[in-house]
C-alpha atoms as a PDB file:
ATOM      1  CA  MET A   1      22.350 -51.180  23.460  1.00  0.00           C
ATOM      2  CA  THR A   2      20.593 -52.462  20.392  1.00  0.00           C
ATOM      3  CA  LYS A   3      18.930 -55.857  20.747  1.00  0.00           C
ATOM      4  CA  ASN A   4      19.530 -57.339  17.314  1.00  0.00           C
ATOM      5  CA  SER A   5      20.401 -61.025  17.070  1.00  0.00           C
ATOM      6  CA  GLU A   6      21.050 -61.097  13.339  1.00  0.00           C
ATOM      7  CA  LEU A   7      24.460 -61.604  11.827  1.00  0.00           C
ATOM      8  CA  VAL A   8      25.174 -59.253   8.947  1.00  0.00           C
ATOM      9  CA  THR A   9      27.775 -59.119   6.212  1.00  0.00           C
ATOM     10  CA  THR A  10      29.310 -55.737   5.475  1.00  0.00           C
ATOM     11  CA  THR A  11      30.007 -54.370   2.009  1.00  0.00           C
ATOM     12  CA  CYS A  12      33.683 -55.293   2.552  1.00  0.00           C
ATOM     13  CA  GLY A  13      32.745 -58.918   3.284  1.00  0.00           C
ATOM     14  CA  ARG A  14      33.175 -59.038   7.076  1.00  0.00           C
ATOM     15  CA  GLU A  15      30.520 -60.877   9.055  1.00  0.00           C
ATOM     16  CA  LEU A  16      29.462 -59.005  12.189  1.00  0.00           C
ATOM     17  CA  ASP A  17      27.085 -59.651  15.055  1.00  0.00           C
ATOM     18  CA  LEU A  18      25.135 -56.513  15.903  1.00  0.00           C
ATOM     19  CA  SER A  19      23.608 -57.970  19.080  1.00  0.00           C
ATOM     20  CA  ALA A  20      25.789 -55.873  21.408  1.00  0.00           C
ATOM     21  CA  SER A  21      26.020 -52.743  19.277  1.00  0.00           C
ATOM     22  CA  GLU A  22      25.251 -49.262  20.563  1.00  0.00           C
ATOM     23  CA  LEU A  23      22.976 -47.019  18.504  1.00  0.00           C
ATOM     24  CA  VAL A  24      24.819 -43.736  17.895  1.00  0.00           C
ATOM     25  CA  LEU A  25      22.581 -42.075  15.304  1.00  0.00           C
ATOM     26  CA  GLU A  26      19.180 -42.975  13.877  1.00  0.00           C
ATOM     27  CA  ARG A  27      17.498 -41.395  10.870  1.00  0.00           C
ATOM     28  CA  SER A  28      14.536 -42.736   8.934  1.00  0.00           C
ATOM     29  CA  ASN A  29      11.782 -41.817   6.539  1.00  0.00           C
ATOM     30  CA  SER A  30       9.041 -43.798   4.811  1.00  0.00           C
ATOM     31  CA  LEU A  31      11.532 -45.449   2.410  1.00  0.00           C
ATOM     32  CA  PHE A  32      14.528 -46.430   4.511  1.00  0.00           C
ATOM     33  CA  SER A  33      16.346 -46.102   7.815  1.00  0.00           C
ATOM     34  CA  TYR A  34      19.929 -45.018   8.243  1.00  0.00           C
ATOM     35  CA  ASN A  35      21.630 -45.902  11.528  1.00  0.00           C
ATOM     36  CA  ILE A  36      25.181 -45.634  12.809  1.00  0.00           C
ATOM     37  CA  LEU A  37      26.072 -48.354  15.293  1.00  0.00           C
ATOM     38  CA  LYS A  38      29.151 -48.670  17.487  1.00  0.00           C
ATOM     39  CA  LEU A  39      30.392 -52.222  17.974  1.00  0.00           C
ATOM     40  CA  THR A  40      32.001 -53.521  21.168  1.00  0.00           C
ATOM     41  CA  SER A  41      35.304 -53.613  19.215  1.00  0.00           C
ATOM     42  CA  GLY A  42      35.134 -49.807  18.875  1.00  0.00           C
ATOM     43  CA  GLU A  43      34.376 -49.984  15.160  1.00  0.00           C
ATOM     44  CA  TYR A  44      31.391 -48.242  13.596  1.00  0.00           C
ATOM     45  CA  VAL A  45      28.888 -49.569  11.061  1.00  0.00           C
ATOM     46  CA  ILE A  46      26.362 -47.713   8.943  1.00  0.00           C
ATOM     47  CA  ALA A  47      23.210 -49.809   8.583  1.00  0.00           C
ATOM     48  CA  GLU A  48      20.969 -48.838   5.661  1.00  0.00           C
ATOM     49  CA  LYS A  49      17.672 -50.712   5.719  1.00  0.00           C
ATOM     50  CA  PHE A  50      15.206 -50.358   2.861  1.00  0.00           C
ATOM     51  CA  PHE A  51      11.617 -51.046   3.854  1.00  0.00           C
ATOM     52  CA  ALA A  52      10.341 -51.875   0.341  1.00  0.00           C
ATOM     53  CA  ASN A  53      13.151 -54.301  -0.519  1.00  0.00           C
ATOM     54  CA  PRO A  54      15.184 -55.754   2.362  1.00  0.00           C
ATOM     55  CA  PHE A  55      17.498 -57.455  -0.156  1.00  0.00           C
ATOM     56  CA  ASN A  56      18.986 -53.988  -0.759  1.00  0.00           C
ATOM     57  CA  ASN A  57      19.976 -53.522   2.900  1.00  0.00           C
ATOM     58  CA  ARG A  58      23.631 -52.529   3.312  1.00  0.00           C
ATOM     59  CA  TYR A  59      26.023 -52.604   6.233  1.00  0.00           C
ATOM     60  CA  ILE A  60      29.102 -50.435   5.767  1.00  0.00           C
ATOM     61  CA  LEU A  61      32.074 -50.787   8.111  1.00  0.00           C
ATOM     62  CA  LEU A  62      33.752 -47.429   8.660  1.00  0.00           C
ATOM     63  CA  ASN A  63      37.505 -47.015   8.887  1.00  0.00           C
ATOM     64  CA  ASP A  64      39.208 -44.561  11.263  1.00  0.00           C
ATOM     65  CA  ASP A  65      39.521 -41.784   8.632  1.00  0.00           C
ATOM     66  CA  GLN A  66      35.818 -41.978   7.823  1.00  0.00           C
ATOM     67  CA  ILE A  67      34.914 -41.814  11.523  1.00  0.00           C
ATOM     68  CA  GLU A  68      37.021 -38.679  11.948  1.00  0.00           C
ATOM     69  CA  GLN A  69      35.291 -37.089   8.956  1.00  0.00           C
ATOM     70  CA  LEU A  70      31.872 -37.859  10.457  1.00  0.00           C
ATOM     71  CA  LYS A  71      32.886 -36.192  13.722  1.00  0.00           C
ATOM     72  CA  ASN A  72      33.553 -32.972  11.817  1.00  0.00           C
ATOM     73  CA  LEU A  73      30.142 -32.804  10.087  1.00  0.00           C
END
């Protein structure tokens, strides 16, 4: 489980608490990190964090169709 006490707002406007999320996939380089988190509700969120400018961080809530597409990659 990820220990993250911050509340985030997704690109669709939902406010989520990531404190009990499960890290499914983690990718990063020197510019940004790209993580897929599974929430306790069963929903998935893509968290894009930009190291140079945290104001550009994005949290994208995935719908069921998008999750199925990711499974087939």
